[in-house]
C-alpha atoms as a PDB file:
ATOM      1  CA  UNK A   1       0.000   0.000   0.000  1.00  0.00           C
ATOM      2  CA  UNK A   2       2.976   2.298  -0.323  1.00  0.00           C
ATOM      3  CA  UNK A   3       3.431   5.063  -2.852  1.00  0.00           C
ATOM      4  CA  UNK A   4       6.715   4.713  -4.773  1.00  0.00           C
ATOM      5  CA  UNK A   5       6.975   8.494  -5.139  1.00  0.00           C
ATOM      6  CA  UNK A   6       6.872   8.988  -1.375  1.00  0.00           C
ATOM      7  CA  UNK A   7       9.317   6.141  -0.838  1.00  0.00           C
ATOM      8  CA  UNK A   8      11.796   7.617  -3.355  1.00  0.00           C
ATOM      9  CA  UNK A   9      11.378  11.079  -1.869  1.00  0.00           C
ATOM     10  CA  UNK A  10      11.852   9.670   1.633  1.00  0.00           C
ATOM     11  CA  UNK A  11      15.046   7.914   0.557  1.00  0.00           C
ATOM     12  CA  UNK A  12      16.321  11.178  -0.896  1.00  0.00           C
ATOM     13  CA  UNK A  13      15.525  13.113   2.291  1.00  0.00           C
ATOM     14  CA  UNK A  14      17.156  10.517   4.544  1.00  0.00           C
ATOM     15  CA  UNK A  15      20.272  10.527   2.355  1.00  0.00           C
ATOM     16  CA  UNK A  16      20.416  14.334   2.360  1.00  0.00           C
ATOM     17  CA  UNK A  17      20.030  14.569   6.139  1.00  0.00           C
ATOM     18  CA  UNK A  18      22.582  11.801   6.661  1.00  0.00           C
ATOM     19  CA  UNK A  19      25.138  13.508   4.413  1.00  0.00           C
ATOM     20  CA  UNK A  20      24.709  16.762   6.336  1.00  0.00           C
ATOM     21  CA  UNK A  21      24.713  15.149   9.781  1.00  0.00           C
ATOM     22  CA  UNK A  22      21.268  16.587  10.510  1.00  0.00           C
ATOM     23  CA  UNK A  23      18.194  15.114  12.163  1.00  0.00           C
ATOM     24  CA  UNK A  24      14.400  15.385  12.027  1.00  0.00           C
ATOM     25  CA  UNK A  25      11.419  14.906  14.335  1.00  0.00           C
ATOM     26  CA  UNK A  26       7.699  15.128  13.622  1.00  0.00           C
ATOM     27  CA  UNK A  27       4.511  16.272  15.348  1.00  0.00           C
ATOM     28  CA  UNK A  28       1.596  14.919  13.357  1.00  0.00           C
ATOM     29  CA  UNK A  29      -2.116  15.422  13.722  1.00  0.00           C
ATOM     30  CA  UNK A  30      -4.032  14.480  10.562  1.00  0.00           C
ATOM     31  CA  UNK A  31      -1.276  12.107   9.399  1.00  0.00           C
ATOM     32  CA  UNK A  32      -1.140  10.363  12.804  1.00  0.00           C
ATOM     33  CA  UNK A  33       2.463   9.202  12.459  1.00  0.00           C
ATOM     34  CA  UNK A  34       2.407   8.413   8.737  1.00  0.00           C
ATOM     35  CA  UNK A  35       5.288  10.802   8.024  1.00  0.00           C
ATOM     36  CA  UNK A  36       7.508   9.285  10.716  1.00  0.00           C
ATOM     37  CA  UNK A  37       6.548   5.769   9.571  1.00  0.00           C
ATOM     38  CA  UNK A  38       7.379   6.640   5.961  1.00  0.00           C
ATOM     39  CA  UNK A  39      10.799   7.956   6.929  1.00  0.00           C
ATOM     40  CA  UNK A  40      11.392   4.962   9.225  1.00  0.00           C
ATOM     41  CA  UNK A  41      10.762   2.681   6.236  1.00  0.00           C
ATOM     42  CA  UNK A  42      14.014   3.868   4.660  1.00  0.00           C
ATOM     43  CA  UNK A  43      17.081   1.794   5.571  1.00  0.00           C
ATOM     44  CA  UNK A  44      19.419   4.001   7.586  1.00  0.00           C
ATOM     45  CA  UNK A  45      16.640   6.284   8.838  1.00  0.00           C
ATOM     46  CA  UNK A  46      17.689   5.641  12.432  1.00  0.00           C
ATOM     47  CA  UNK A  47      20.647   7.954  11.811  1.00  0.00           C
ATOM     48  CA  UNK A  48      18.339  10.922  11.188  1.00  0.00           C
ATOM     49  CA  UNK A  49      14.817  10.266  12.531  1.00  0.00           C
ATOM     50  CA  UNK A  50      14.873  11.084  16.240  1.00  0.00           C
ATOM     51  CA  UNK A  51      11.179  10.702  16.996  1.00  0.00           C
ATOM     52  CA  UNK A  52       7.604  11.438  16.181  1.00  0.00           C
ATOM     53  CA  UNK A  53       4.735  12.805  18.231  1.00  0.00           C
ATOM     54  CA  UNK A  54       1.186  11.834  17.291  1.00  0.00           C
ATOM     55  CA  UNK A  55      -0.834  14.847  18.402  1.00  0.00           C
ATOM     56  CA  UNK A  56      -4.295  13.950  17.193  1.00  0.00           C
ATOM     57  CA  UNK A  57      -6.134  15.874  19.920  1.00  0.00           C
ATOM     58  CA  UNK A  58      -5.873  19.371  21.326  1.00  0.00           C
ATOM     59  CA  UNK A  59      -4.649  17.947  24.647  1.00  0.00           C
ATOM     60  CA  UNK A  60      -1.808  15.995  23.040  1.00  0.00           C
ATOM     61  CA  UNK A  61      -0.778  19.041  21.044  1.00  0.00           C
ATOM     62  CA  UNK A  62      -0.403  20.801  24.404  1.00  0.00           C
ATOM     63  CA  UNK A  63       1.191  18.001  26.415  1.00  0.00           C
ATOM     64  CA  UNK A  64       3.415  16.331  23.817  1.00  0.00           C
ATOM     65  CA  UNK A  65       4.387  19.167  21.453  1.00  0.00           C
ATOM     66  CA  UNK A  66       3.985  21.923  24.034  1.00  0.00           C
ATOM     67  CA  UNK A  67       1.752  24.027  21.813  1.00  0.00           C
ATOM     68  CA  UNK A  68       0.496  26.825  24.063  1.00  0.00           C
ATOM     69  CA  UNK A  69      -3.141  26.374  25.096  1.00  0.00           C
ATOM     70  CA  UNK A  70      -3.669  30.095  24.543  1.00  0.00           C
ATOM     71  CA  UNK A  71      -2.608  29.706  20.905  1.00  0.00           C
ATOM     72  CA  UNK A  72      -5.006  26.810  20.372  1.00  0.00           C
ATOM     73  CA  UNK A  73      -7.817  28.745  22.059  1.00  0.00           C
ATOM     74  CA  UNK A  74      -7.120  31.713  19.782  1.00  0.00           C
ATOM     75  CA  UNK A  75      -6.563  30.082  16.359  1.00  0.00           C
ATOM     76  CA  UNK A  76      -7.652  26.457  16.802  1.00  0.00           C
ATOM     77  CA  UNK A  77      -5.940  23.177  15.988  1.00  0.00           C
ATOM     78  CA  UNK A  78      -6.107  23.664  12.210  1.00  0.00           C
ATOM     79  CA  UNK A  79      -4.138  26.854  11.586  1.00  0.00           C
ATOM     80  CA  UNK A  80      -0.785  28.083  10.357  1.00  0.00           C
ATOM     81  CA  UNK A  81       0.445  29.165  13.819  1.00  0.00           C
ATOM     82  CA  UNK A  82      -0.496  25.736  15.180  1.00  0.00           C
ATOM     83  CA  UNK A  83       1.526  23.990  12.462  1.00  0.00           C
ATOM     84  CA  UNK A  84       4.502  26.223  13.271  1.00  0.00           C
ATOM     85  CA  UNK A  85       4.204  25.475  16.989  1.00  0.00           C
ATOM     86  CA  UNK A  86       3.934  21.725  16.273  1.00  0.00           C
ATOM     87  CA  UNK A  87       7.091  21.824  14.146  1.00  0.00           C
ATOM     88  CA  UNK A  88       8.998  23.801  16.770  1.00  0.00           C
ATOM     89  CA  UNK A  89       7.712  21.520  19.517  1.00  0.00           C
ATOM     90  CA  UNK A  90       8.863  18.385  17.681  1.00  0.00           C
ATOM     91  CA  UNK A  91      12.259  19.919  16.967  1.00  0.00           C
ATOM     92  CA  UNK A  92      12.773  21.098  20.521  1.00  0.00           C
ATOM     93  CA  UNK A  93      11.310  18.077  22.365  1.00  0.00           C
ATOM     94  CA  UNK A  94      13.444  15.641  20.346  1.00  0.00           C
ATOM     95  CA  UNK A  95      16.503  17.915  20.089  1.00  0.00           C
ATOM     96  CA  UNK A  96      16.464  17.605  16.304  1.00  0.00           C
ATOM     97  CA  UNK A  97      17.855  19.909  13.647  1.00  0.00           C
ATOM     98  CA  UNK A  98      14.486  20.002  11.871  1.00  0.00           C
ATOM     99  CA  UNK A  99      10.905  19.706  13.067  1.00  0.00           C
ATOM    100  CA  UNK A 100       7.872  19.020  10.933  1.00  0.00           C
ATOM    101  CA  UNK A 101       4.317  19.803  12.050  1.00  0.00           C
ATOM    102  CA  UNK A 102       1.236  18.641  10.186  1.00  0.00           C
ATOM    103  CA  UNK A 103      -2.350  19.583  11.006  1.00  0.00           C
ATOM    104  CA  UNK A 104      -5.454  19.725   8.878  1.00  0.00           C
ATOM    105  CA  UNK A 105      -8.717  18.175   7.774  1.00  0.00           C
ATOM    106  CA  UNK A 106      -8.643  14.806   6.010  1.00  0.00           C
ATOM    107  CA  UNK A 107     -12.420  14.415   6.063  1.00  0.00           C
ATOM    108  CA  UNK A 108     -14.896  13.125   5.388  1.00  0.00           C
ATOM    109  CA  UNK A 109     -16.496  16.301   6.833  1.00  0.00           C
ATOM    110  CA  UNK A 110     -15.219  19.877   7.167  1.00  0.00           C
ATOM    111  CA  UNK A 111     -13.847  20.743  10.611  1.00  0.00           C
ATOM    112  CA  UNK A 112     -13.767  24.060  12.435  1.00  0.00           C
ATOM    113  CA  UNK A 113     -14.798  25.987   9.335  1.00  0.00           C
ATOM    114  CA  UNK A 114     -12.048  24.413   7.229  1.00  0.00           C
ATOM    115  CA  UNK A 115     -12.940  22.409   4.133  1.00  0.00           C
ATOM    116  CA  UNK A 116     -11.733  18.859   3.655  1.00  0.00           C
ATOM    117  CA  UNK A 117      -8.216  18.907   2.234  1.00  0.00           C
ATOM    118  CA  UNK A 118      -7.005  21.952   4.176  1.00  0.00           C
ATOM    119  CA  UNK A 119      -3.555  21.157   5.536  1.00  0.00           C
ATOM    120  CA  UNK A 120      -0.974  23.306   7.302  1.00  0.00           C
ATOM    121  CA  UNK A 121       2.629  22.134   7.110  1.00  0.00           C
ATOM    122  CA  UNK A 122       5.109  23.661   9.525  1.00  0.00           C
ATOM    123  CA  UNK A 123       8.855  23.288   9.001  1.00  0.00           C
ATOM    124  CA  UNK A 124      11.120  24.433  11.815  1.00  0.00           C
ATOM    125  CA  UNK A 125      14.831  24.537  11.109  1.00  0.00           C
ATOM    126  CA  UNK A 126      17.884  25.749  12.910  1.00  0.00           C
ATOM    127  CA  UNK A 127      17.325  29.356  11.769  1.00  0.00           C
ATOM    128  CA  UNK A 128      13.631  29.848  10.995  1.00  0.00           C
ATOM    129  CA  UNK A 129      10.170  28.340  10.839  1.00  0.00           C
ATOM    130  CA  UNK A 130       7.925  28.468   7.826  1.00  0.00           C
ATOM    131  CA  UNK A 131       4.401  27.264   7.151  1.00  0.00           C
ATOM    132  CA  UNK A 132       2.709  26.234   3.940  1.00  0.00           C
ATOM    133  CA  UNK A 133      -1.056  26.118   3.532  1.00  0.00           C
ATOM    134  CA  UNK A 134      -2.065  23.267   1.250  1.00  0.00           C
ATOM    135  CA  UNK A 135      -5.359  22.383  -0.421  1.00  0.00           C
ATOM    136  CA  UNK A 136      -5.302  18.667  -1.178  1.00  0.00           C
ATOM    137  CA  UNK A 137      -7.882  16.514  -2.949  1.00  0.00           C
ATOM    138  CA  UNK A 138      -9.134  12.959  -2.667  1.00  0.00           C
ATOM    139  CA  UNK A 139     -10.103  10.494   0.006  1.00  0.00           C
ATOM    140  CA  UNK A 140      -8.865  10.636   3.609  1.00  0.00           C
ATOM    141  CA  UNK A 141      -6.007   8.345   2.627  1.00  0.00           C
ATOM    142  CA  UNK A 142      -5.172  10.430  -0.460  1.00  0.00           C
ATOM    143  CA  UNK A 143      -5.072  13.645   1.578  1.00  0.00           C
ATOM    144  CA  UNK A 144      -2.930  12.116   4.322  1.00  0.00           C
ATOM    145  CA  UNK A 145      -0.507  10.590   1.808  1.00  0.00           C
ATOM    146  CA  UNK A 146      -0.292  13.836  -0.183  1.00  0.00           C
ATOM    147  CA  UNK A 147       0.440  15.746   3.047  1.00  0.00           C
ATOM    148  CA  UNK A 148       3.314  13.357   3.796  1.00  0.00           C
ATOM    149  CA  UNK A 149       4.651  13.726   0.260  1.00  0.00           C
ATOM    150  CA  UNK A 150       4.490  17.524   0.518  1.00  0.00           C
ATOM    151  CA  UNK A 151       6.268  17.461   3.883  1.00  0.00           C
ATOM    152  CA  UNK A 152       9.089  15.275   2.579  1.00  0.00           C
ATOM    153  CA  UNK A 153       9.515  17.284  -0.609  1.00  0.00           C
ATOM    154  CA  UNK A 154       9.428  20.686   1.050  1.00  0.00           C
ATOM    155  CA  UNK A 155      11.783  19.617   3.840  1.00  0.00           C
ATOM    156  CA  UNK A 156      14.215  18.242   1.256  1.00  0.00           C
ATOM    157  CA  UNK A 157      14.137  21.615  -0.474  1.00  0.00           C
ATOM    158  CA  UNK A 158      14.844  23.495   2.752  1.00  0.00           C
ATOM    159  CA  UNK A 159      17.618  21.152   3.859  1.00  0.00           C
ATOM    160  CA  UNK A 160      19.237  21.442   0.441  1.00  0.00           C
ATOM    161  CA  UNK A 161      19.148  25.263   0.616  1.00  0.00           C
ATOM    162  CA  UNK A 162      20.739  25.698   4.017  1.00  0.00           C
END
């Protein structure tokens, strides 16, 4: 049930991080650990993947990724600032070079005023944090897999630029 494009992209990211001596950690809501599992499927990933937090609820976003409750009260769990805080929380909690935060709506119904397919991807590096807002199509599985693919591709681009 794997997607060869994600697997190839994951291999590329693991190789890039390994060559640079850098590491990654994840805080995942809508993907529920799929990103970490995809990276862990690459031989040699243990050199770069430090950990993954599954933060499917508001409470786990607070307790595991240390997203401030005030932020969640203000903007909600599906928002750009939340994705940034998830990425920073993963990076800091796991002492990684890079943190990735994923939050969004995989469906089947809209959530919190956000349509199905709305995804926020946070990438926290050693110098800055950035967030991408994505609009993805398809089934729950398609949206979750596309979010993982976007995370891997965008992180590879950032790692390669720094």
